[in-house]
Amino acid sequence: MVHNECVAPALTDLEWIHRLPKAEVHLHLEGCVDAAVVAVAAERHGATSPLPLDEGRPVLGGLAELLAYLDWSCALITEPDELATIAYESARRSSVSGTRHIDVIANPTHWPGFADRLGLMLDALDDGFRNAEADGFATATLCLSLKRQQSATEALHFVDWMIERRHRRVGALSIDGNEAAGSHNERFAEAFGRAGAAGLRRCAHAGESSGADGVREAIELLGAERIDHGIRALEDPAVVAELVRRSIPLDICPSSNVILGVVPSLAEHPVVPLAAAGVAFSLNTDDPLLYGIDLAGEYARSAAAFGWDRPMLARIARTSIDSSFADDDRRHELHGELEDFLATNA
């Protein structure tokens, strides 16, 4: 459960935030599985949660516990129809916050029920997202993710499969996982290079469980166009300067950072000095159903905590669209929606 650390903005501001066209670019599929879906699947498999639950959500003590819960809960999902529903509902819920496009990070290692059916997994997710789009909800791009503990050979085989398959829903390669024991970015450099050469976009988790060095390596070794989290870049001014020089945006997830203990409180979040240094960033939920949050709430809490006005929120929304992996035509449409909204709702 998220506990607001600030006074909520006026209702009119919250309504404005909900209607503000925006994208979300740091959204894990694994964190978009409804508690009711997990409960039904757990009963089917006779499984018990490894963590205590509060209103169906795990009580988390940090990133390691989160990842363990994701391994458990996603392993229960074994039917394509379940995946299609998860995808559809992810797009539908996002739309309630005024989100018009989502980049969804999916790590196959969390879904062992589809280990030898990865093509079927992608097709099921595609079905769900296509149906959501047909119903007027957010468009979606999948960012398939490697896990830090995988080998270089596994990473290369996975990227080769992505390139050969060229699934229409997949637009990017990602990497996530706990970096506390090391980022091992050099292990994945060849795989990311191969993905980039094939036209896949690239993003990487860094600067969450790793420090500023992890951010630097994500840029230099992995060619990341976007840094997932990245807030610990602030520990090294040279890394901050490099983010600004290369115009590499951060996907910042304020509530997630507080809940997982990356920062002690929202009031102490480093997004303010990062913004002051000229770093571009978007706001995101990370794992919304596990935290009980939505994107409009992240905008509202951040605005109240940091004193951001409507022009600042519009700037963040613009960055979210710029940094999304939607195709050029879709980004052009999204920018048009945003500018039209701002012209009549300044």
Protein backbone atom coordinates (compact mmCIF):
# COMPACT_ATOMS: atom_id res chain seq x y z
CA MET A 1 0.00 0.00 0.00
CA VAL A 2 1.33 3.43 -0.93
CA HIS A 3 1.14 6.06 1.76
CA ASN A 4 1.05 9.60 0.38
CA GLU A 5 3.75 11.76 1.92
CA CYS A 6 2.28 15.03 0.75
CA VAL A 7 -0.95 16.94 0.49
CA ALA A 8 -2.95 15.84 -2.57
CA PRO A 9 -3.36 18.47 -5.29
CA ALA A 10 -6.70 20.14 -5.87
CA LEU A 11 -9.31 18.00 -7.58
CA THR A 12 -9.19 20.17 -10.69
CA ASP A 13 -5.44 19.57 -10.94
CA LEU A 14 -5.95 15.83 -10.56
CA GLU A 15 -8.58 15.91 -13.27
CA TRP A 16 -6.16 17.83 -15.50
CA ILE A 17 -3.46 15.24 -14.82
CA HIS A 18 -5.80 12.41 -15.74
CA ARG A 19 -6.64 14.10 -19.05
CA LEU A 20 -3.02 15.04 -19.85
CA PRO A 21 -1.91 12.82 -22.79
CA LYS A 22 1.20 10.94 -21.79
CA ALA A 23 3.18 7.74 -22.28
CA GLU A 24 4.53 5.30 -19.74
CA VAL A 25 7.85 3.75 -20.65
CA HIS A 26 8.80 1.81 -17.52
CA LEU A 27 6.04 -0.69 -16.87
CA HIS A 28 6.80 -4.32 -16.08
CA LEU A 29 4.37 -6.92 -17.35
CA GLU A 30 5.16 -8.91 -14.23
CA GLY A 31 3.89 -6.05 -12.08
CA CYS A 32 0.62 -5.83 -14.02
CA VAL A 33 -0.85 -9.17 -12.95
CA ASP A 34 -4.03 -8.58 -10.98
CA ALA A 35 -4.11 -10.11 -7.49
CA ALA A 36 -7.34 -11.94 -8.36
CA VAL A 37 -5.64 -13.59 -11.34
CA VAL A 38 -2.74 -14.68 -9.13
CA ALA A 39 -5.13 -16.01 -6.48
CA VAL A 40 -7.05 -18.14 -9.00
CA ALA A 41 -3.83 -19.48 -10.50
CA ALA A 42 -2.36 -20.19 -7.06
CA GLU A 43 -5.45 -22.19 -6.10
CA ARG A 44 -5.23 -24.12 -9.36
CA HIS A 45 -1.61 -25.04 -8.64
CA GLY A 46 -2.03 -25.46 -4.88
CA ALA A 47 0.64 -22.80 -4.32
CA THR A 48 1.18 -20.41 -1.41
CA SER A 49 2.75 -16.96 -1.64
CA PRO A 50 6.35 -16.80 -0.37
CA LEU A 51 5.56 -13.37 1.14
CA PRO A 52 2.75 -12.17 3.41
CA LEU A 53 -0.03 -10.40 1.50
CA ASP A 54 -1.85 -7.14 2.21
CA GLU A 55 -5.07 -6.78 0.18
CA GLY A 56 -3.65 -9.33 -2.23
CA ARG A 57 -0.35 -7.48 -2.69
CA PRO A 58 2.96 -8.77 -1.31
CA VAL A 59 4.53 -7.00 1.66
CA LEU A 60 7.91 -6.03 0.20
CA GLY A 61 11.13 -5.33 2.04
CA GLY A 62 13.28 -4.57 -0.99
CA LEU A 63 14.18 -5.48 -4.56
CA ALA A 64 15.25 -9.06 -3.78
CA GLU A 65 11.87 -9.84 -2.24
CA LEU A 66 10.07 -8.22 -5.17
CA LEU A 67 11.97 -10.36 -7.68
CA ALA A 68 11.31 -13.52 -5.66
CA TYR A 69 7.59 -12.75 -5.60
CA LEU A 70 7.55 -12.12 -9.36
CA ASP A 71 9.25 -15.47 -9.97
CA TRP A 72 6.56 -17.16 -7.88
CA SER A 73 3.48 -15.34 -9.15
CA CYS A 74 4.33 -15.34 -12.86
CA ALA A 75 5.24 -19.04 -12.76
CA LEU A 76 1.57 -19.69 -11.94
CA ILE A 77 0.45 -18.21 -15.26
CA THR A 78 0.48 -21.01 -17.82
CA GLU A 79 -2.42 -20.31 -20.18
CA PRO A 80 -2.27 -18.00 -23.23
CA ASP A 81 -5.70 -16.58 -22.40
CA GLU A 82 -4.37 -15.43 -19.05
CA LEU A 83 -1.57 -13.52 -20.76
CA ALA A 84 -3.97 -11.95 -23.23
CA THR A 85 -6.13 -10.74 -20.35
CA ILE A 86 -3.11 -9.35 -18.48
CA ALA A 87 -2.06 -7.42 -21.60
CA TYR A 88 -5.55 -6.08 -22.27
CA GLU A 89 -6.06 -4.97 -18.68
CA SER A 90 -2.63 -3.31 -18.57
CA ALA A 91 -3.56 -1.09 -21.51
CA ARG A 92 -7.06 -0.43 -20.19
CA ARG A 93 -5.89 0.59 -16.71
CA SER A 94 -3.16 2.79 -18.15
CA SER A 95 -5.70 4.66 -20.22
CA VAL A 96 -7.57 5.71 -17.07
CA SER A 97 -4.53 7.84 -16.19
CA GLY A 98 -4.53 9.50 -19.61
CA THR A 99 -1.72 7.22 -20.77
CA ARG A 100 -1.90 6.86 -24.54
CA HIS A 101 1.07 4.53 -25.07
CA ILE A 102 2.92 2.03 -22.89
CA ASP A 103 6.32 0.43 -23.32
CA VAL A 104 5.93 -2.86 -21.44
CA ILE A 105 9.03 -4.66 -20.17
CA ALA A 106 8.63 -8.45 -20.17
CA ASN A 107 11.33 -10.79 -18.88
CA PRO A 108 10.72 -14.38 -20.08
CA THR A 109 12.75 -15.80 -17.17
CA HIS A 110 9.85 -14.87 -14.86
CA TRP A 111 7.42 -16.95 -16.97
CA PRO A 112 8.69 -20.58 -16.93
CA GLY A 113 5.30 -21.84 -18.11
CA PHE A 114 6.22 -20.39 -21.51
CA ALA A 115 9.95 -21.22 -21.50
CA ASP A 116 9.61 -23.44 -24.55
CA ARG A 117 6.62 -21.51 -25.95
CA LEU A 118 7.99 -18.00 -26.18
CA GLY A 119 6.42 -17.41 -29.58
CA LEU A 120 3.04 -18.39 -28.16
CA MET A 121 3.62 -16.03 -25.24
CA LEU A 122 4.26 -13.11 -27.57
CA ASP A 123 1.25 -13.95 -29.73
CA ALA A 124 -1.00 -14.08 -26.66
CA LEU A 125 0.24 -10.73 -25.41
CA ASP A 126 -0.17 -9.29 -28.90
CA ASP A 127 -3.78 -10.48 -28.98
CA GLY A 128 -4.50 -8.71 -25.70
CA PHE A 129 -2.84 -5.48 -26.74
CA ARG A 130 -4.52 -5.49 -30.18
CA ASN A 131 -7.93 -5.93 -28.60
CA ALA A 132 -7.22 -3.10 -26.18
CA GLU A 133 -6.17 -0.80 -29.01
CA ALA A 134 -9.31 -1.72 -30.95
CA ASP A 135 -11.32 -0.63 -27.90
CA GLY A 136 -9.58 2.74 -27.84
CA PHE A 137 -7.11 2.06 -25.04
CA ALA A 138 -3.36 2.71 -24.99
CA THR A 139 -1.10 1.37 -27.72
CA ALA A 140 1.77 -0.85 -26.58
CA THR A 141 5.33 -1.85 -27.46
CA LEU A 142 7.01 -4.85 -25.84
CA CYS A 143 10.57 -4.54 -24.56
CA LEU A 144 11.88 -8.08 -24.05
CA SER A 145 14.32 -8.23 -21.19
CA LEU A 146 17.40 -10.20 -20.25
CA LYS A 147 18.15 -11.09 -16.64
CA ARG A 148 21.47 -10.06 -15.08
CA GLN A 149 22.19 -13.64 -14.00
CA GLN A 150 22.05 -15.02 -17.56
CA SER A 151 25.22 -15.92 -19.43
CA ALA A 152 26.61 -14.13 -22.46
CA THR A 153 25.75 -17.18 -24.59
CA GLU A 154 22.15 -17.21 -23.36
CA ALA A 155 21.87 -13.50 -24.08
CA LEU A 156 23.18 -13.92 -27.63
CA HIS A 157 20.85 -16.82 -28.36
CA PHE A 158 17.91 -14.81 -27.07
CA VAL A 159 18.77 -11.77 -29.19
CA ASP A 160 19.30 -13.93 -32.25
CA TRP A 161 15.84 -15.41 -31.69
CA MET A 162 14.36 -11.90 -31.37
CA ILE A 163 16.01 -10.81 -34.60
CA GLU A 164 14.93 -13.93 -36.48
CA ARG A 165 11.36 -13.78 -35.16
CA ARG A 166 10.91 -9.99 -35.61
CA HIS A 167 7.58 -10.10 -33.82
CA ARG A 168 5.48 -7.07 -34.68
CA ARG A 169 4.80 -6.27 -31.01
CA VAL A 170 8.48 -6.33 -29.96
CA GLY A 171 10.45 -3.13 -30.42
CA ALA A 172 13.29 -3.25 -27.92
CA LEU A 173 15.80 -5.19 -25.87
CA SER A 174 16.00 -4.50 -22.15
CA ILE A 175 17.89 -5.86 -19.16
CA ASP A 176 16.78 -5.92 -15.54
CA GLY A 177 17.40 -7.67 -12.25
CA ASN A 178 19.27 -7.00 -9.03
CA GLU A 179 22.65 -5.35 -9.62
CA ALA A 180 23.70 -5.46 -5.95
CA ALA A 181 26.12 -8.30 -6.70
CA GLY A 182 27.39 -6.59 -9.86
CA SER A 183 25.99 -5.22 -13.10
CA HIS A 184 28.01 -7.55 -15.38
CA ASN A 185 27.28 -5.19 -18.27
CA GLU A 186 30.38 -6.32 -20.15
CA ARG A 187 28.79 -9.78 -20.35
CA PHE A 188 25.87 -8.40 -22.34
CA ALA A 189 27.65 -5.85 -24.53
CA GLU A 190 27.79 -8.09 -27.61
CA ALA A 191 24.12 -9.02 -27.35
CA PHE A 192 23.07 -5.38 -27.07
CA GLY A 193 25.35 -4.44 -29.95
CA ARG A 194 23.80 -7.13 -32.11
CA ALA A 195 20.29 -5.94 -31.17
CA GLY A 196 21.12 -2.35 -32.01
CA ALA A 197 22.62 -3.31 -35.37
CA ALA A 198 19.38 -5.12 -36.18
CA GLY A 199 17.31 -2.02 -35.48
CA LEU A 200 15.99 -2.95 -32.05
CA ARG A 201 15.78 -0.12 -29.50
CA ARG A 202 17.72 -0.54 -26.25
CA CYS A 203 17.07 0.34 -22.62
CA ALA A 204 18.64 -0.89 -19.41
CA HIS A 205 18.00 -0.91 -15.68
CA ALA A 206 20.79 0.95 -13.93
CA GLY A 207 21.26 3.38 -11.10
CA GLU A 208 18.73 1.63 -8.86
CA SER A 209 20.54 -1.29 -7.19
CA SER A 210 23.75 -0.11 -8.89
CA GLY A 211 25.42 3.25 -8.49
CA ALA A 212 26.53 5.79 -11.05
CA ASP A 213 29.00 3.30 -12.57
CA GLY A 214 26.07 1.12 -13.59
CA VAL A 215 24.57 4.04 -15.47
CA ARG A 216 27.85 4.80 -17.22
CA GLU A 217 28.24 1.16 -18.28
CA ALA A 218 24.66 1.02 -19.57
CA ILE A 219 25.47 3.96 -21.82
CA GLU A 220 28.97 2.96 -22.92
CA LEU A 221 28.75 -0.86 -23.02
CA LEU A 222 25.09 -1.47 -23.83
CA GLY A 223 24.33 1.58 -25.94
CA ALA A 224 21.21 2.25 -23.87
CA GLU A 225 19.01 4.95 -25.39
CA ARG A 226 17.04 5.22 -22.18
CA ILE A 227 17.97 4.41 -18.57
CA ASP A 228 15.41 2.63 -16.42
CA HIS A 229 15.56 4.37 -13.02
CA GLY A 230 19.05 5.91 -13.25
CA ILE A 231 18.59 8.10 -10.19
CA ARG A 232 21.92 7.15 -8.61
CA ALA A 233 23.68 8.83 -11.52
CA LEU A 234 23.57 11.82 -9.19
CA GLU A 235 26.43 10.20 -7.24
CA ASP A 236 28.83 11.16 -10.06
CA PRO A 237 28.53 14.61 -11.68
CA ALA A 238 30.42 13.34 -14.73
CA VAL A 239 27.72 10.72 -15.37
CA VAL A 240 25.01 13.35 -14.97
CA ALA A 241 26.83 15.56 -17.47
CA GLU A 242 27.05 12.64 -19.91
CA LEU A 243 23.31 12.01 -19.66
CA VAL A 244 22.70 15.66 -20.49
CA ARG A 245 25.29 15.75 -23.28
CA ARG A 246 23.85 12.67 -24.99
CA SER A 247 20.22 13.62 -24.26
CA ILE A 248 19.60 10.22 -22.65
CA PRO A 249 16.40 10.29 -20.58
CA LEU A 250 15.73 8.53 -17.30
CA ASP A 251 12.57 6.52 -16.59
CA ILE A 252 11.97 7.60 -13.01
CA CYS A 253 9.61 5.63 -10.73
CA PRO A 254 9.23 7.67 -7.53
CA SER A 255 6.91 5.45 -5.46
CA SER A 256 8.79 2.30 -6.44
CA ASN A 257 12.05 3.89 -5.28
CA VAL A 258 10.52 4.70 -1.90
CA ILE A 259 8.77 1.35 -1.43
CA LEU A 260 11.92 -0.64 -2.25
CA GLY A 261 14.12 1.56 -0.05
CA VAL A 262 16.22 3.03 -2.86
CA VAL A 263 15.44 6.47 -1.41
CA PRO A 264 14.24 7.12 2.16
CA SER A 265 11.21 9.23 1.25
CA LEU A 266 9.55 11.00 -1.63
CA ALA A 267 10.65 14.35 -0.24
CA GLU A 268 14.29 13.20 -0.52
CA HIS A 269 14.00 11.82 -4.05
CA PRO A 270 16.88 12.97 -6.29
CA VAL A 271 14.63 13.84 -9.24
CA VAL A 272 14.75 17.53 -8.30
CA PRO A 273 18.54 17.95 -8.51
CA LEU A 274 18.61 15.74 -11.61
CA ALA A 275 16.05 18.01 -13.27
CA ALA A 276 17.99 21.08 -12.17
CA ALA A 277 21.10 19.62 -13.84
CA GLY A 278 19.19 19.36 -17.13
CA VAL A 279 18.54 15.60 -17.17
CA ALA A 280 15.40 14.68 -19.13
CA PHE A 281 13.07 12.21 -17.44
CA SER A 282 9.62 10.67 -17.48
CA LEU A 283 7.48 9.47 -14.58
CA ASN A 284 6.45 5.82 -14.38
CA THR A 285 4.87 3.23 -12.07
CA ASP A 286 7.28 0.28 -12.51
CA ASP A 287 5.01 -2.40 -10.95
CA PRO A 288 1.68 -0.64 -10.40
CA LEU A 289 -0.52 -3.49 -9.18
CA LEU A 290 2.08 -4.60 -6.65
CA TYR A 291 2.34 -1.08 -5.25
CA GLY A 292 -1.30 -0.05 -5.53
CA ILE A 293 -0.55 3.00 -7.69
CA ASP A 294 -1.32 4.46 -11.10
CA LEU A 295 0.48 6.96 -13.32
CA ALA A 296 -1.86 9.87 -12.64
CA GLY A 297 -1.15 9.37 -8.94
CA GLU A 298 2.59 9.48 -9.58
CA TYR A 299 2.20 12.80 -11.39
CA ALA A 300 -0.02 14.18 -8.61
CA ARG A 301 2.20 13.05 -5.72
CA SER A 302 5.32 14.34 -7.44
CA ALA A 303 3.71 17.68 -8.28
CA ALA A 304 2.66 18.18 -4.67
CA ALA A 305 6.00 17.03 -3.22
CA PHE A 306 8.24 19.01 -5.54
CA GLY A 307 6.09 22.04 -6.28
CA TRP A 308 5.76 21.27 -9.98
CA ASP A 309 3.29 23.34 -11.97
CA ARG A 310 1.35 22.42 -15.10
CA PRO A 311 4.12 23.48 -17.52
CA MET A 312 6.54 21.16 -15.70
CA LEU A 313 4.09 18.26 -15.86
CA ALA A 314 3.53 18.96 -19.54
CA ARG A 315 7.30 18.89 -20.07
CA ILE A 316 7.49 15.49 -18.35
CA ALA A 317 4.62 14.17 -20.49
CA ARG A 318 6.40 15.44 -23.62
CA THR A 319 9.59 13.63 -22.58
CA SER A 320 7.60 10.45 -21.97
CA ILE A 321 6.39 10.53 -25.57
CA ASP A 322 9.82 11.46 -26.95
CA SER A 323 11.48 8.59 -25.09
CA SER A 324 8.85 5.97 -25.90
CA PHE A 325 9.60 3.19 -28.35
CA ALA A 326 6.36 3.76 -30.27
CA ASP A 327 6.99 4.08 -33.99
CA ASP A 328 7.49 7.51 -35.55
CA ASP A 329 3.90 7.85 -36.76
CA ARG A 330 2.49 6.99 -33.35
CA ARG A 331 4.81 9.40 -31.56
CA HIS A 332 3.72 12.12 -34.00
CA GLU A 333 0.08 11.36 -33.15
CA LEU A 334 0.82 11.45 -29.44
CA HIS A 335 2.59 14.79 -29.68
CA GLY A 336 -0.38 16.13 -31.60
CA GLU A 337 -2.76 14.97 -28.87
CA LEU A 338 -0.59 16.57 -26.20
CA GLU A 339 -0.21 19.91 -27.95
CA ASP A 340 -3.92 20.08 -28.76
CA PHE A 341 -4.73 19.39 -25.11
CA LEU A 342 -2.30 22.03 -23.87
CA ALA A 343 -3.63 24.60 -26.32
CA THR A 344 -7.10 24.32 -24.84
CA ASN A 345 -6.26 23.37 -21.24
CA ALA A 346 -3.24 25.53 -20.38
